[in-house]
Amino acid sequence: MNERSFIQKITSRKFWICAAAFLGSVAASINGIATDNNTVAAVGIVCGVLSAAIYAGAEAYVDAADKKTETEVKAED
C-alpha cells in the first residue's frame, strides 16, 4: 500500500463511520461494566468486533472491484 492509498483510506467516510461505531461500542461496554449490566457489556463488545469486521469486508470488496477493473483495462490494451 502506498502513502496515497493509505491517506485515502484514512480519510474515507467508511473509516470514520467504523471508528465512530467502534467508539460507541466501547462506550456501551464501559457503561455495561460500570452499571454491572453484563448484557450491555456483551452487546458492546460484539458490536465493536462487528464494526471492524464490516469495515474490513467493505474494504476488501472495494479493493477486489478496483483490481478487477484494473485487470480489465490492461486486457483491453
N, C-alpha and C. Protein backbone atom coordinates (compact mmCIF):
# COMPACT_ATOMS: atom_id res chain seq x y z
N MET A 1 0.85 -1.17 0.00
CA MET A 1 0.00 0.00 0.00
C MET A 1 0.90 1.23 0.00
N ASN A 2 0.64 2.12 -0.93
CA ASN A 2 1.46 3.33 -0.97
C ASN A 2 0.86 4.41 -0.07
N GLU A 3 1.59 5.50 0.09
CA GLU A 3 1.17 6.55 1.01
C GLU A 3 -0.15 7.18 0.60
N ARG A 4 -0.34 7.37 -0.69
CA ARG A 4 -1.59 7.99 -1.17
C ARG A 4 -2.79 7.09 -0.85
N SER A 5 -2.64 5.80 -1.08
CA SER A 5 -3.72 4.86 -0.79
C SER A 5 -4.05 4.86 0.70
N PHE A 6 -3.00 4.92 1.53
CA PHE A 6 -3.21 4.95 2.98
C PHE A 6 -3.97 6.20 3.39
N ILE A 7 -3.59 7.33 2.85
CA ILE A 7 -4.27 8.59 3.18
C ILE A 7 -5.72 8.55 2.71
N GLN A 8 -5.98 7.98 1.53
CA GLN A 8 -7.35 7.88 1.04
C GLN A 8 -8.19 7.01 1.96
N LYS A 9 -7.62 5.91 2.45
CA LYS A 9 -8.38 5.02 3.34
C LYS A 9 -8.66 5.70 4.67
N ILE A 10 -7.69 6.43 5.21
CA ILE A 10 -7.87 7.09 6.50
C ILE A 10 -8.89 8.23 6.40
N THR A 11 -8.97 8.87 5.27
CA THR A 11 -9.90 9.99 5.12
C THR A 11 -11.26 9.58 4.54
N SER A 12 -11.48 8.28 4.39
CA SER A 12 -12.76 7.85 3.81
C SER A 12 -13.89 7.88 4.84
N ARG A 13 -15.10 8.04 4.36
CA ARG A 13 -16.27 8.04 5.25
C ARG A 13 -16.45 6.69 5.90
N LYS A 14 -16.15 5.60 5.16
CA LYS A 14 -16.29 4.26 5.74
C LYS A 14 -15.42 4.12 6.98
N PHE A 15 -14.20 4.63 6.92
CA PHE A 15 -13.30 4.52 8.05
C PHE A 15 -13.84 5.29 9.26
N TRP A 16 -14.31 6.50 9.03
CA TRP A 16 -14.79 7.32 10.15
C TRP A 16 -16.08 6.78 10.74
N ILE A 17 -16.94 6.21 9.91
CA ILE A 17 -18.15 5.56 10.43
C ILE A 17 -17.77 4.35 11.26
N CYS A 18 -16.80 3.58 10.79
CA CYS A 18 -16.32 2.42 11.55
C CYS A 18 -15.72 2.86 12.88
N ALA A 19 -14.91 3.92 12.85
CA ALA A 19 -14.30 4.41 14.08
C ALA A 19 -15.36 4.89 15.07
N ALA A 20 -16.37 5.60 14.58
CA ALA A 20 -17.45 6.07 15.45
C ALA A 20 -18.24 4.89 16.04
N ALA A 21 -18.52 3.89 15.21
CA ALA A 21 -19.24 2.71 15.70
C ALA A 21 -18.42 1.97 16.74
N PHE A 22 -17.12 1.86 16.50
CA PHE A 22 -16.25 1.17 17.46
C PHE A 22 -16.20 1.93 18.79
N LEU A 23 -16.06 3.25 18.72
CA LEU A 23 -16.01 4.04 19.95
C LEU A 23 -17.34 3.99 20.69
N GLY A 24 -18.44 4.00 19.96
CA GLY A 24 -19.75 3.85 20.60
C GLY A 24 -19.89 2.50 21.28
N SER A 25 -19.35 1.47 20.64
CA SER A 25 -19.40 0.13 21.23
C SER A 25 -18.54 0.05 22.49
N VAL A 26 -17.38 0.69 22.45
CA VAL A 26 -16.52 0.72 23.64
C VAL A 26 -17.24 1.46 24.77
N ALA A 27 -17.88 2.56 24.45
CA ALA A 27 -18.62 3.32 25.46
C ALA A 27 -19.75 2.48 26.05
N ALA A 28 -20.44 1.73 25.22
CA ALA A 28 -21.51 0.86 25.71
C ALA A 28 -20.95 -0.22 26.62
N SER A 29 -19.81 -0.78 26.23
CA SER A 29 -19.19 -1.81 27.07
C SER A 29 -18.78 -1.25 28.42
N ILE A 30 -18.18 -0.09 28.41
CA ILE A 30 -17.77 0.55 29.67
C ILE A 30 -18.98 0.84 30.53
N ASN A 31 -20.04 1.34 29.92
CA ASN A 31 -21.28 1.61 30.66
C ASN A 31 -21.85 0.32 31.24
N GLY A 32 -21.83 -0.74 30.47
CA GLY A 32 -22.32 -2.03 30.96
C GLY A 32 -21.51 -2.55 32.12
N ILE A 33 -20.19 -2.38 32.05
CA ILE A 33 -19.33 -2.83 33.14
C ILE A 33 -19.55 -1.96 34.38
N ALA A 34 -19.66 -0.63 34.16
CA ALA A 34 -19.82 0.30 35.28
C ALA A 34 -21.15 0.09 36.01
N THR A 35 -22.19 -0.28 35.29
CA THR A 35 -23.50 -0.48 35.91
C THR A 35 -23.76 -1.94 36.25
N ASP A 36 -22.75 -2.77 36.07
CA ASP A 36 -22.85 -4.21 36.34
C ASP A 36 -23.95 -4.87 35.52
N ASN A 37 -24.07 -4.42 34.27
CA ASN A 37 -25.04 -4.98 33.35
C ASN A 37 -24.27 -5.78 32.29
N ASN A 38 -24.19 -7.07 32.48
CA ASN A 38 -23.39 -7.92 31.60
C ASN A 38 -23.93 -7.98 30.18
N THR A 39 -25.24 -7.84 30.01
CA THR A 39 -25.84 -7.88 28.68
C THR A 39 -25.36 -6.69 27.84
N VAL A 40 -25.39 -5.51 28.42
CA VAL A 40 -24.95 -4.31 27.70
C VAL A 40 -23.46 -4.40 27.39
N ALA A 41 -22.68 -4.89 28.33
CA ALA A 41 -21.24 -5.04 28.11
C ALA A 41 -20.97 -6.02 26.97
N ALA A 42 -21.69 -7.13 26.94
CA ALA A 42 -21.50 -8.13 25.88
C ALA A 42 -21.93 -7.59 24.53
N VAL A 43 -23.04 -6.88 24.48
CA VAL A 43 -23.51 -6.30 23.21
C VAL A 43 -22.49 -5.27 22.71
N GLY A 44 -21.93 -4.48 23.59
CA GLY A 44 -20.91 -3.51 23.20
C GLY A 44 -19.69 -4.17 22.60
N ILE A 45 -19.25 -5.27 23.21
CA ILE A 45 -18.08 -5.99 22.69
C ILE A 45 -18.38 -6.59 21.32
N VAL A 46 -19.53 -7.22 21.20
CA VAL A 46 -19.90 -7.84 19.92
C VAL A 46 -20.02 -6.79 18.82
N CYS A 47 -20.64 -5.67 19.12
CA CYS A 47 -20.78 -4.61 18.11
C CYS A 47 -19.43 -4.00 17.73
N GLY A 48 -18.51 -3.91 18.68
CA GLY A 48 -17.17 -3.42 18.37
C GLY A 48 -16.46 -4.33 17.39
N VAL A 49 -16.56 -5.63 17.61
CA VAL A 49 -15.93 -6.59 16.71
C VAL A 49 -16.63 -6.56 15.34
N LEU A 50 -17.95 -6.47 15.34
CA LEU A 50 -18.69 -6.43 14.08
C LEU A 50 -18.37 -5.19 13.25
N SER A 51 -18.21 -4.04 13.91
CA SER A 51 -17.91 -2.83 13.15
C SER A 51 -16.56 -2.96 12.45
N ALA A 52 -15.59 -3.54 13.12
CA ALA A 52 -14.28 -3.75 12.48
C ALA A 52 -14.38 -4.77 11.35
N ALA A 53 -15.14 -5.83 11.55
CA ALA A 53 -15.29 -6.87 10.53
C ALA A 53 -16.03 -6.33 9.30
N ILE A 54 -17.05 -5.55 9.51
CA ILE A 54 -17.80 -4.98 8.39
C ILE A 54 -16.92 -4.01 7.59
N TYR A 55 -16.12 -3.21 8.29
CA TYR A 55 -15.21 -2.30 7.61
C TYR A 55 -14.20 -3.09 6.78
N ALA A 56 -13.62 -4.12 7.37
CA ALA A 56 -12.64 -4.94 6.65
C ALA A 56 -13.28 -5.58 5.41
N GLY A 57 -14.50 -6.08 5.55
CA GLY A 57 -15.20 -6.67 4.42
C GLY A 57 -15.50 -5.66 3.32
N ALA A 58 -15.91 -4.46 3.71
CA ALA A 58 -16.20 -3.42 2.73
C ALA A 58 -14.93 -3.01 1.98
N GLU A 59 -13.83 -2.86 2.70
CA GLU A 59 -12.57 -2.51 2.05
C GLU A 59 -12.09 -3.62 1.12
N ALA A 60 -12.26 -4.86 1.54
CA ALA A 60 -11.86 -5.98 0.69
C ALA A 60 -12.69 -6.00 -0.60
N TYR A 61 -13.98 -5.74 -0.48
CA TYR A 61 -14.86 -5.69 -1.65
C TYR A 61 -14.43 -4.58 -2.61
N VAL A 62 -14.16 -3.40 -2.06
CA VAL A 62 -13.75 -2.26 -2.89
C VAL A 62 -12.41 -2.55 -3.55
N ASP A 63 -11.47 -3.10 -2.80
CA ASP A 63 -10.16 -3.42 -3.37
C ASP A 63 -10.27 -4.47 -4.47
N ALA A 64 -11.11 -5.48 -4.28
CA ALA A 64 -11.29 -6.52 -5.29
C ALA A 64 -11.92 -5.94 -6.55
N ALA A 65 -12.92 -5.09 -6.39
CA ALA A 65 -13.56 -4.47 -7.55
C ALA A 65 -12.58 -3.57 -8.29
N ASP A 66 -11.73 -2.86 -7.55
CA ASP A 66 -10.73 -1.99 -8.16
C ASP A 66 -9.70 -2.82 -8.93
N LYS A 67 -9.30 -3.94 -8.36
CA LYS A 67 -8.33 -4.82 -9.01
C LYS A 67 -8.92 -5.42 -10.28
N LYS A 68 -10.21 -5.79 -10.22
CA LYS A 68 -10.88 -6.36 -11.40
C LYS A 68 -10.94 -5.33 -12.52
N THR A 69 -11.28 -4.10 -12.20
CA THR A 69 -11.34 -3.03 -13.20
C THR A 69 -9.95 -2.80 -13.79
N GLU A 70 -8.94 -2.81 -12.94
CA GLU A 70 -7.57 -2.60 -13.40
C GLU A 70 -7.14 -3.72 -14.36
N THR A 71 -7.53 -4.95 -14.05
CA THR A 71 -7.20 -6.09 -14.90
C THR A 71 -7.91 -6.00 -16.24
N GLU A 72 -9.18 -5.58 -16.23
CA GLU A 72 -9.94 -5.45 -17.47
C GLU A 72 -9.36 -4.36 -18.36
N VAL A 73 -8.89 -3.27 -17.77
CA VAL A 73 -8.32 -2.19 -18.55
C VAL A 73 -7.02 -2.66 -19.20
N LYS A 74 -6.20 -3.41 -18.46
CA LYS A 74 -4.94 -3.92 -19.02
C LYS A 74 -5.21 -4.91 -20.13
N ALA A 75 -6.27 -5.71 -20.02
CA ALA A 75 -6.60 -6.69 -21.05
C ALA A 75 -7.03 -6.02 -22.34
N GLU A 76 -7.67 -4.87 -22.24
CA GLU A 76 -8.12 -4.14 -23.44
C GLU A 76 -6.97 -3.52 -24.18
N ASP A 77 -5.90 -3.19 -23.50
CA ASP A 77 -4.72 -2.55 -24.13
C ASP A 77 -3.98 -3.53 -24.91
